[in-house]
């Protein structure tokens, strides 16, 4: 009964900010490593950021210094704060978790960075 649901996507101008949320079922956020991926048209899905159960974070080079992954265990919610957005950040963003040898995904939320 793993459920993930992203929200917060939309249209933003270059240099702007956007905050994404991922509501998760049960205690997934606190007990597992949670990830944000993104996929742009014609490109492979790529890992954007990760936070493990101990709070250790990872970011792909292209978003370091601009994106921040965080969580609220009480709300069972994962977040991705995106600042200084670029057109290259345009993609569908997904949250994900790996449990018992299976990768689970949310439905995705569209982020469009354009002037």
C-alpha atoms as a PDB file:
ATOM      1  CA  UNK A   1       0.000   0.000   0.000  1.00  0.00           C
ATOM      2  CA  UNK A   2       2.710   2.426  -1.009  1.00  0.00           C
ATOM      3  CA  UNK A   3       1.261   5.702  -2.251  1.00  0.00           C
ATOM      4  CA  UNK A   4       3.092   8.814  -3.386  1.00  0.00           C
ATOM      5  CA  UNK A   5       1.495  11.994  -4.689  1.00  0.00           C
ATOM      6  CA  UNK A   6       3.408  15.024  -5.949  1.00  0.00           C
ATOM      7  CA  UNK A   7       2.068  18.564  -6.061  1.00  0.00           C
ATOM      8  CA  UNK A   8       3.289  22.131  -6.451  1.00  0.00           C
ATOM      9  CA  UNK A   9       4.371  22.175 -10.073  1.00  0.00           C
ATOM     10  CA  UNK A  10       3.559  25.013 -12.414  1.00  0.00           C
ATOM     11  CA  UNK A  11       4.908  27.761 -14.633  1.00  0.00           C
ATOM     12  CA  UNK A  12       7.684  30.000 -13.353  1.00  0.00           C
ATOM     13  CA  UNK A  13      10.049  32.510 -14.969  1.00  0.00           C
ATOM     14  CA  UNK A  14      13.810  31.910 -15.129  1.00  0.00           C
ATOM     15  CA  UNK A  15      15.406  32.868 -11.821  1.00  0.00           C
ATOM     16  CA  UNK A  16      12.214  32.194  -9.936  1.00  0.00           C
ATOM     17  CA  UNK A  17      11.429  29.664  -7.233  1.00  0.00           C
ATOM     18  CA  UNK A  18       9.033  26.797  -6.784  1.00  0.00           C
ATOM     19  CA  UNK A  19       8.373  24.333  -3.972  1.00  0.00           C
ATOM     20  CA  UNK A  20       7.257  20.769  -4.633  1.00  0.00           C
ATOM     21  CA  UNK A  21       5.618  18.421  -2.157  1.00  0.00           C
ATOM     22  CA  UNK A  22       5.199  14.657  -2.080  1.00  0.00           C
ATOM     23  CA  UNK A  23       2.604  13.202   0.256  1.00  0.00           C
ATOM     24  CA  UNK A  24       3.534   9.638   1.196  1.00  0.00           C
ATOM     25  CA  UNK A  25       1.631   6.817   2.839  1.00  0.00           C
ATOM     26  CA  UNK A  26       2.466   5.415   6.262  1.00  0.00           C
ATOM     27  CA  UNK A  27       5.910   6.247   7.600  1.00  0.00           C
ATOM     28  CA  UNK A  28       7.774   6.030   4.292  1.00  0.00           C
ATOM     29  CA  UNK A  29       9.388   9.440   4.636  1.00  0.00           C
ATOM     30  CA  UNK A  30      10.940   8.791   8.039  1.00  0.00           C
ATOM     31  CA  UNK A  31      11.991   5.174   7.528  1.00  0.00           C
ATOM     32  CA  UNK A  32      13.272   5.157   3.962  1.00  0.00           C
ATOM     33  CA  UNK A  33      15.522   7.023   1.604  1.00  0.00           C
ATOM     34  CA  UNK A  34      13.311   9.322  -0.459  1.00  0.00           C
ATOM     35  CA  UNK A  35      14.216  10.627  -3.896  1.00  0.00           C
ATOM     36  CA  UNK A  36      13.225  13.252  -6.421  1.00  0.00           C
ATOM     37  CA  UNK A  37      13.625  12.437 -10.111  1.00  0.00           C
ATOM     38  CA  UNK A  38      12.801  14.436 -13.203  1.00  0.00           C
ATOM     39  CA  UNK A  39      12.234  13.633 -16.849  1.00  0.00           C
ATOM     40  CA  UNK A  40      12.262  16.103 -19.720  1.00  0.00           C
ATOM     41  CA  UNK A  41      10.845  15.284 -23.182  1.00  0.00           C
ATOM     42  CA  UNK A  42      13.236  13.087 -25.146  1.00  0.00           C
ATOM     43  CA  UNK A  43      15.508  12.523 -22.161  1.00  0.00           C
ATOM     44  CA  UNK A  44      15.973   9.739 -19.636  1.00  0.00           C
ATOM     45  CA  UNK A  45      14.632  10.086 -16.134  1.00  0.00           C
ATOM     46  CA  UNK A  46      17.395  11.386 -13.866  1.00  0.00           C
ATOM     47  CA  UNK A  47      17.931  11.462 -10.122  1.00  0.00           C
ATOM     48  CA  UNK A  48      17.761  15.034  -8.832  1.00  0.00           C
ATOM     49  CA  UNK A  49      18.073  14.655  -5.064  1.00  0.00           C
ATOM     50  CA  UNK A  50      17.934  12.088  -2.280  1.00  0.00           C
ATOM     51  CA  UNK A  51      17.536  12.149   1.490  1.00  0.00           C
ATOM     52  CA  UNK A  52      18.046   9.045   3.615  1.00  0.00           C
ATOM     53  CA  UNK A  53      16.446   8.126   6.926  1.00  0.00           C
ATOM     54  CA  UNK A  54      19.314   9.752   8.815  1.00  0.00           C
ATOM     55  CA  UNK A  55      18.978  13.048   6.972  1.00  0.00           C
ATOM     56  CA  UNK A  56      21.976  12.712   4.666  1.00  0.00           C
ATOM     57  CA  UNK A  57      21.331  14.403   1.332  1.00  0.00           C
ATOM     58  CA  UNK A  58      22.589  14.030  -2.210  1.00  0.00           C
ATOM     59  CA  UNK A  59      22.151  16.319  -5.213  1.00  0.00           C
ATOM     60  CA  UNK A  60      23.040  15.928  -8.840  1.00  0.00           C
ATOM     61  CA  UNK A  61      25.672  18.452  -9.919  1.00  0.00           C
ATOM     62  CA  UNK A  62      23.315  20.504 -12.071  1.00  0.00           C
ATOM     63  CA  UNK A  63      21.109  21.487  -9.114  1.00  0.00           C
ATOM     64  CA  UNK A  64      23.649  21.815  -6.293  1.00  0.00           C
ATOM     65  CA  UNK A  65      23.319  25.131  -4.511  1.00  0.00           C
ATOM     66  CA  UNK A  66      19.890  25.768  -6.030  1.00  0.00           C
ATOM     67  CA  UNK A  67      17.664  22.899  -4.847  1.00  0.00           C
ATOM     68  CA  UNK A  68      17.047  21.685  -1.311  1.00  0.00           C
ATOM     69  CA  UNK A  69      15.439  18.366  -0.394  1.00  0.00           C
ATOM     70  CA  UNK A  70      13.792  18.087   3.008  1.00  0.00           C
ATOM     71  CA  UNK A  71      11.086  16.189   4.844  1.00  0.00           C
ATOM     72  CA  UNK A  72       8.482  16.551   7.551  1.00  0.00           C
ATOM     73  CA  UNK A  73       8.160  13.188   9.267  1.00  0.00           C
ATOM     74  CA  UNK A  74       5.062  14.212  11.219  1.00  0.00           C
ATOM     75  CA  UNK A  75       3.272  15.066   7.975  1.00  0.00           C
ATOM     76  CA  UNK A  76       4.760  12.132   6.029  1.00  0.00           C
ATOM     77  CA  UNK A  77       5.749  14.608   3.350  1.00  0.00           C
ATOM     78  CA  UNK A  78       8.842  15.075   1.210  1.00  0.00           C
ATOM     79  CA  UNK A  79       9.741  18.501  -0.206  1.00  0.00           C
ATOM     80  CA  UNK A  80      11.915  19.946  -2.926  1.00  0.00           C
ATOM     81  CA  UNK A  81      12.615  23.672  -2.752  1.00  0.00           C
ATOM     82  CA  UNK A  82      13.837  24.910  -6.138  1.00  0.00           C
ATOM     83  CA  UNK A  83      15.503  28.313  -6.429  1.00  0.00           C
ATOM     84  CA  UNK A  84      17.223  30.166  -9.265  1.00  0.00           C
ATOM     85  CA  UNK A  85      15.325  28.062 -11.761  1.00  0.00           C
ATOM     86  CA  UNK A  86      16.605  27.690 -15.315  1.00  0.00           C
ATOM     87  CA  UNK A  87      14.879  26.636 -18.509  1.00  0.00           C
ATOM     88  CA  UNK A  88      16.900  23.414 -18.317  1.00  0.00           C
ATOM     89  CA  UNK A  89      14.975  22.516 -15.152  1.00  0.00           C
ATOM     90  CA  UNK A  90      11.771  22.118 -17.157  1.00  0.00           C
ATOM     91  CA  UNK A  91      10.557  18.547 -16.672  1.00  0.00           C
ATOM     92  CA  UNK A  92       8.047  16.328 -14.950  1.00  0.00           C
ATOM     93  CA  UNK A  93       9.214  15.813 -11.382  1.00  0.00           C
ATOM     94  CA  UNK A  94       8.580  12.550  -9.546  1.00  0.00           C
ATOM     95  CA  UNK A  95       9.122  11.424  -5.969  1.00  0.00           C
ATOM     96  CA  UNK A  96      10.197   7.843  -5.416  1.00  0.00           C
ATOM     97  CA  UNK A  97      11.123   5.244  -2.820  1.00  0.00           C
ATOM     98  CA  UNK A  98      12.767   1.814  -3.084  1.00  0.00           C
ATOM     99  CA  UNK A  99      11.151  -0.836  -0.885  1.00  0.00           C
ATOM    100  CA  UNK A 100      11.636  -4.618  -0.922  1.00  0.00           C
ATOM    101  CA  UNK A 101      13.445  -4.639  -4.262  1.00  0.00           C
ATOM    102  CA  UNK A 102      10.789  -2.499  -5.957  1.00  0.00           C
ATOM    103  CA  UNK A 103      10.826   1.139  -7.022  1.00  0.00           C
ATOM    104  CA  UNK A 104       7.640   3.089  -6.316  1.00  0.00           C
ATOM    105  CA  UNK A 105       6.706   6.320  -8.090  1.00  0.00           C
ATOM    106  CA  UNK A 106       4.229   9.135  -7.762  1.00  0.00           C
ATOM    107  CA  UNK A 107       2.251  10.420 -10.743  1.00  0.00           C
ATOM    108  CA  UNK A 108       4.573  13.356 -11.321  1.00  0.00           C
ATOM    109  CA  UNK A 109       4.084  17.113 -11.406  1.00  0.00           C
ATOM    110  CA  UNK A 110       4.997  19.373 -14.329  1.00  0.00           C
ATOM    111  CA  UNK A 111       7.506  22.164 -13.812  1.00  0.00           C
ATOM    112  CA  UNK A 112       7.903  24.638 -16.662  1.00  0.00           C
ATOM    113  CA  UNK A 113      10.530  27.377 -16.528  1.00  0.00           C
ATOM    114  CA  UNK A 114       9.958  29.912 -19.288  1.00  0.00           C
ATOM    115  CA  UNK A 115       9.856  33.636 -19.927  1.00  0.00           C
END
